[in-house]
Every structure is written in structure tokens, then in C-alpha cells.
């Protein structure tokens, strides 16, 4: 994929490719420091150990370059368990309460939290949301930057870039809808192709 596009931004834009070549990669541990990072991880593990859920699976904390992805059920859950947790989360606000506890515990520590998908949320340094890539793109002076995302409401991991005045934000719910919207916007003569 990275060879097919002029720019590719992964992990909230903290991993950047230009013309197929890696040009920049930020590491959360370098930015936060080991002490804060371990305090954060330990708090999350302790919090999740006390949660009573119908099911828990593995990979509760996924360590990425630019963020931690926290999943109370665990990222190893099956698709059916994912749906079950999502429905429970809508009723009991499990992730919302978890984030509120983190915000209290780590107030003033330069951390941000955003909902990600059906079973998790992301933790990252302030300024490392998906707008991070716009700093690079600002230098290129593009006339229009389109962004497509599914978590575009406040608290979602796409909200900040979706709502940023430097972008034209599009809320989509599936890869198929993204393809269709791209055809309509960029190739209107081919919009009805399958």
C-alpha cells in the first residue's frame, strides 16, 4: 500500500511514509518516558483486573508506536464476543468510565484518550491525535485534504481530524462506503461502478 500513494500516515500519523519510504517514526516511550508509561500500564492492568465482564480474552493492552490501545475484553475476542461486548458497553459505558478514571488519575500528565472501534480506546500524548499528519501536509500546501473516518463524533478517534478546518471530513461506516464516497467525489463519472 505505501508504494501506491504519495503519503501514508499510520498510527495517528506518528509513522510517516513519503513516496514509499519511511521518513519519520515517533515512539510513545521516548515521548512519555518509562516511568509515566509504566504508571499508565500498571493503572490500566489494575483497573481491568477489577472489571467483571461476561468474558475476557487476551491482549488487553496493545503497545503501538504512537499510542497504547486498551481493550477491557481483550483484542483476542471473537467477532461474536466483540459484538456482545459492544452491546454491553453501550448500556454500561465500560470504556467511558475507564477513560474517566484515567483522566482523573493522569490529569496534567499530557495524555489524551479517544474511543476506538467497538472494544477499545486509545491513549496517546497530547497533540498525537490523527491531526498529527496535517503538520506535514501543511508544508505541501494541498488545496484540499479529505478525511474519511467512522468514529467522527466527539470522543471518537477520528473526531479531531474530521472536525479540523484544514480538512473536508466525511463520516463513513465501512470500507465499501469509503470507496463509494471516493468515487462520487474524485471520479463522479465512475460513481455507479461496483
Protein backbone atom coordinates (compact mmCIF):
# COMPACT_ATOMS: atom_id res chain seq x y z
CA UNK A 1 0.00 0.00 0.00
CA UNK A 2 2.71 2.50 0.89
CA UNK A 3 4.09 2.41 -2.66
CA UNK A 4 0.71 3.31 -4.19
CA UNK A 5 0.34 6.70 -2.52
CA UNK A 6 2.47 9.82 -2.19
CA UNK A 7 1.87 9.83 1.58
CA UNK A 8 0.87 7.14 4.06
CA UNK A 9 0.30 8.01 7.72
CA UNK A 10 -0.06 5.15 10.19
CA UNK A 11 -0.71 5.17 13.93
CA UNK A 12 -2.27 8.64 14.14
CA UNK A 13 0.37 9.93 11.72
CA UNK A 14 3.31 9.15 14.01
CA UNK A 15 4.63 6.72 11.38
CA UNK A 16 5.03 8.60 8.09
CA UNK A 17 5.88 7.43 4.59
CA UNK A 18 6.51 9.61 1.54
CA UNK A 19 6.82 8.06 -1.92
CA UNK A 20 7.07 4.60 -0.35
CA UNK A 21 9.92 5.49 2.03
CA UNK A 22 9.73 5.75 5.80
CA UNK A 23 10.52 9.38 6.68
CA UNK A 24 9.55 9.63 10.34
CA UNK A 25 8.59 7.39 13.24
CA UNK A 26 7.78 8.66 16.72
CA UNK A 27 7.82 6.36 19.77
CA UNK A 28 5.45 6.91 22.68
CA UNK A 29 8.00 5.61 25.19
CA UNK A 30 10.54 8.23 24.11
CA UNK A 31 7.98 10.99 24.45
CA UNK A 32 6.38 9.96 27.77
CA UNK A 33 9.36 8.35 29.47
CA UNK A 34 9.44 4.91 31.04
CA UNK A 35 8.17 5.96 34.47
CA UNK A 36 4.92 7.54 33.23
CA UNK A 37 4.43 4.76 30.70
CA UNK A 38 4.71 2.08 33.39
CA UNK A 39 2.41 4.02 35.73
CA UNK A 40 -0.15 4.17 32.92
CA UNK A 41 0.16 0.48 32.04
CA UNK A 42 0.00 -0.60 35.70
CA UNK A 43 -3.08 1.54 36.32
CA UNK A 44 -4.83 0.01 33.29
CA UNK A 45 -3.94 -3.56 34.30
CA UNK A 46 -5.16 -2.97 37.86
CA UNK A 47 -8.39 -1.36 36.65
CA UNK A 48 -9.12 -4.22 34.23
CA UNK A 49 -8.32 -6.84 36.87
CA UNK A 50 -11.25 -5.49 38.90
CA UNK A 51 -13.72 -5.42 35.99
CA UNK A 52 -16.30 -8.20 35.96
CA UNK A 53 -17.33 -8.87 32.38
CA UNK A 54 -19.20 -11.81 30.83
CA UNK A 55 -15.96 -12.69 29.00
CA UNK A 56 -12.32 -11.62 28.97
CA UNK A 57 -9.77 -12.68 26.39
CA UNK A 58 -6.11 -11.84 25.72
CA UNK A 59 -4.23 -8.74 24.55
CA UNK A 60 -5.75 -6.13 26.85
CA UNK A 61 -3.04 -3.57 26.11
CA UNK A 62 -1.57 -3.30 22.64
CA UNK A 63 1.62 -1.25 22.56
CA UNK A 64 1.96 0.72 19.33
CA UNK A 65 4.50 3.33 18.22
CA UNK A 66 2.30 6.35 18.83
CA UNK A 67 -0.25 5.07 21.33
CA UNK A 68 -1.50 2.37 23.64
CA UNK A 69 -4.71 0.63 22.61
CA UNK A 70 -6.66 -0.53 25.67
CA UNK A 71 -9.37 -3.20 25.37
CA UNK A 72 -11.27 -4.29 28.51
CA UNK A 73 -12.46 -7.53 26.85
CA UNK A 74 -9.12 -8.09 25.08
CA UNK A 75 -8.32 -7.78 21.38
CA UNK A 76 -8.22 -11.59 21.07
CA UNK A 77 -12.01 -11.85 21.35
CA UNK A 78 -14.05 -13.48 18.58
CA UNK A 79 -16.28 -11.39 16.29
CA UNK A 80 -19.31 -12.59 18.27
CA UNK A 81 -17.69 -11.64 21.58
CA UNK A 82 -16.80 -8.24 20.10
CA UNK A 83 -20.47 -7.58 19.32
CA UNK A 84 -21.54 -8.85 22.76
CA UNK A 85 -19.06 -6.52 24.49
CA UNK A 86 -20.08 -3.58 22.29
CA UNK A 87 -23.74 -4.03 23.25
CA UNK A 88 -22.84 -4.30 26.95
CA UNK A 89 -20.60 -1.22 26.65
CA UNK A 90 -23.47 0.81 25.15
CA UNK A 91 -25.57 0.02 28.23
CA UNK A 92 -22.94 0.11 30.98
CA UNK A 93 -20.47 2.64 29.48
CA UNK A 94 -17.48 0.48 30.45
CA UNK A 95 -14.97 2.31 28.27
CA UNK A 96 -16.36 5.74 29.13
CA UNK A 97 -15.98 5.05 32.87
CA UNK A 98 -12.47 3.62 32.33
CA UNK A 99 -11.41 6.75 30.42
CA UNK A 100 -12.91 8.98 33.14
CA UNK A 101 -10.83 7.12 35.76
CA UNK A 102 -7.70 7.58 33.63
CA UNK A 103 -8.42 11.27 33.14
CA UNK A 104 -8.67 11.74 36.91
CA UNK A 105 -5.56 9.68 37.68
CA UNK A 106 -3.38 11.24 34.98
CA UNK A 107 -4.71 14.81 34.95
CA UNK A 108 -1.98 17.24 33.92
CA UNK A 109 0.28 14.48 32.54
CA UNK A 110 -0.22 15.39 28.87
CA UNK A 111 -2.32 12.38 27.88
CA UNK A 112 -5.37 12.16 25.61
CA UNK A 113 -7.93 9.38 25.29
CA UNK A 114 -10.27 8.52 22.43
CA UNK A 115 -12.75 5.78 21.66
CA UNK A 116 -11.56 3.35 19.00
CA UNK A 117 -13.94 0.94 17.31
CA UNK A 118 -16.19 -1.40 19.25
CA UNK A 119 -13.98 -2.75 22.03
CA UNK A 120 -11.16 -0.37 22.82
CA UNK A 121 -9.86 3.14 23.31
CA UNK A 122 -6.53 4.78 22.56
CA UNK A 123 -4.16 6.60 24.91
CA UNK A 124 -1.59 8.95 23.40
CA UNK A 125 0.34 12.15 24.15
CA UNK A 126 -1.45 15.46 23.66
CA UNK A 127 -1.03 16.56 20.05
CA UNK A 128 -0.66 12.99 18.79
CA UNK A 129 -4.24 12.54 17.56
CA UNK A 130 -4.89 12.00 13.85
CA UNK A 131 -4.25 15.69 13.11
CA UNK A 132 -0.54 14.97 13.66
CA UNK A 133 -0.11 14.31 9.93
CA UNK A 134 -1.56 17.70 9.00
CA UNK A 135 1.68 19.38 10.06
CA UNK A 136 3.46 17.55 7.24
CA UNK A 137 0.68 18.16 4.76
CA UNK A 138 0.53 21.88 5.63
CA UNK A 139 4.07 22.18 4.23
CA UNK A 140 2.90 20.70 0.91
CA UNK A 141 0.17 23.34 0.52
CA UNK A 142 -2.52 20.99 -0.78
CA UNK A 143 -5.64 22.79 -1.92
CA UNK A 144 -7.99 20.29 -0.26
CA UNK A 145 -7.43 17.43 2.18
CA UNK A 146 -10.25 14.90 2.51
CA UNK A 147 -10.55 12.67 5.57
CA UNK A 148 -12.77 9.59 5.84
CA UNK A 149 -13.49 8.02 9.22
CA UNK A 150 -16.08 6.12 11.21
CA UNK A 151 -15.51 7.48 14.75
CA UNK A 152 -16.29 11.11 13.91
CA UNK A 153 -18.37 12.13 16.94
CA UNK A 154 -16.79 13.85 19.98
CA UNK A 155 -14.68 11.31 21.87
CA UNK A 156 -14.09 9.18 18.76
CA UNK A 157 -10.57 8.67 17.46
CA UNK A 158 -11.44 10.36 14.13
CA UNK A 159 -13.23 13.38 15.57
CA UNK A 160 -10.38 15.91 15.78
CA UNK A 161 -9.20 15.49 12.19
CA UNK A 162 -12.76 15.15 10.89
CA UNK A 163 -13.67 18.46 12.54
CA UNK A 164 -10.41 20.29 11.74
CA UNK A 165 -10.85 23.33 9.45
CA UNK A 166 -7.90 22.14 7.32
CA UNK A 167 -9.84 19.06 6.19
CA UNK A 168 -13.08 18.15 4.49
CA UNK A 169 -14.41 15.45 6.80
CA UNK A 170 -16.53 12.52 5.65
CA UNK A 171 -18.22 10.19 8.12
CA UNK A 172 -18.38 6.63 6.76
CA UNK A 173 -19.32 3.29 8.29
CA UNK A 174 -17.48 0.75 6.13
CA UNK A 175 -14.63 0.35 3.65
CA UNK A 176 -17.23 -0.15 0.92
CA UNK A 177 -18.88 3.18 1.77
CA UNK A 178 -15.45 4.84 1.72
CA UNK A 179 -14.79 3.50 -1.79
CA UNK A 180 -18.22 4.66 -2.95
CA UNK A 181 -17.78 8.15 -1.50
CA UNK A 182 -14.30 8.44 -3.09
CA UNK A 183 -15.77 7.50 -6.46
CA UNK A 184 -18.52 10.10 -6.06
CA UNK A 185 -16.05 12.85 -5.07
CA UNK A 186 -12.99 12.12 -7.19
CA UNK A 187 -14.37 10.07 -10.12
CA UNK A 188 -18.05 11.06 -10.48
CA UNK A 189 -18.24 9.52 -13.96
CA UNK A 190 -17.46 6.11 -12.34
CA UNK A 191 -19.57 6.55 -9.19
CA UNK A 192 -22.03 3.78 -10.10
CA UNK A 193 -19.41 1.11 -10.84
CA UNK A 194 -19.27 -1.86 -8.49
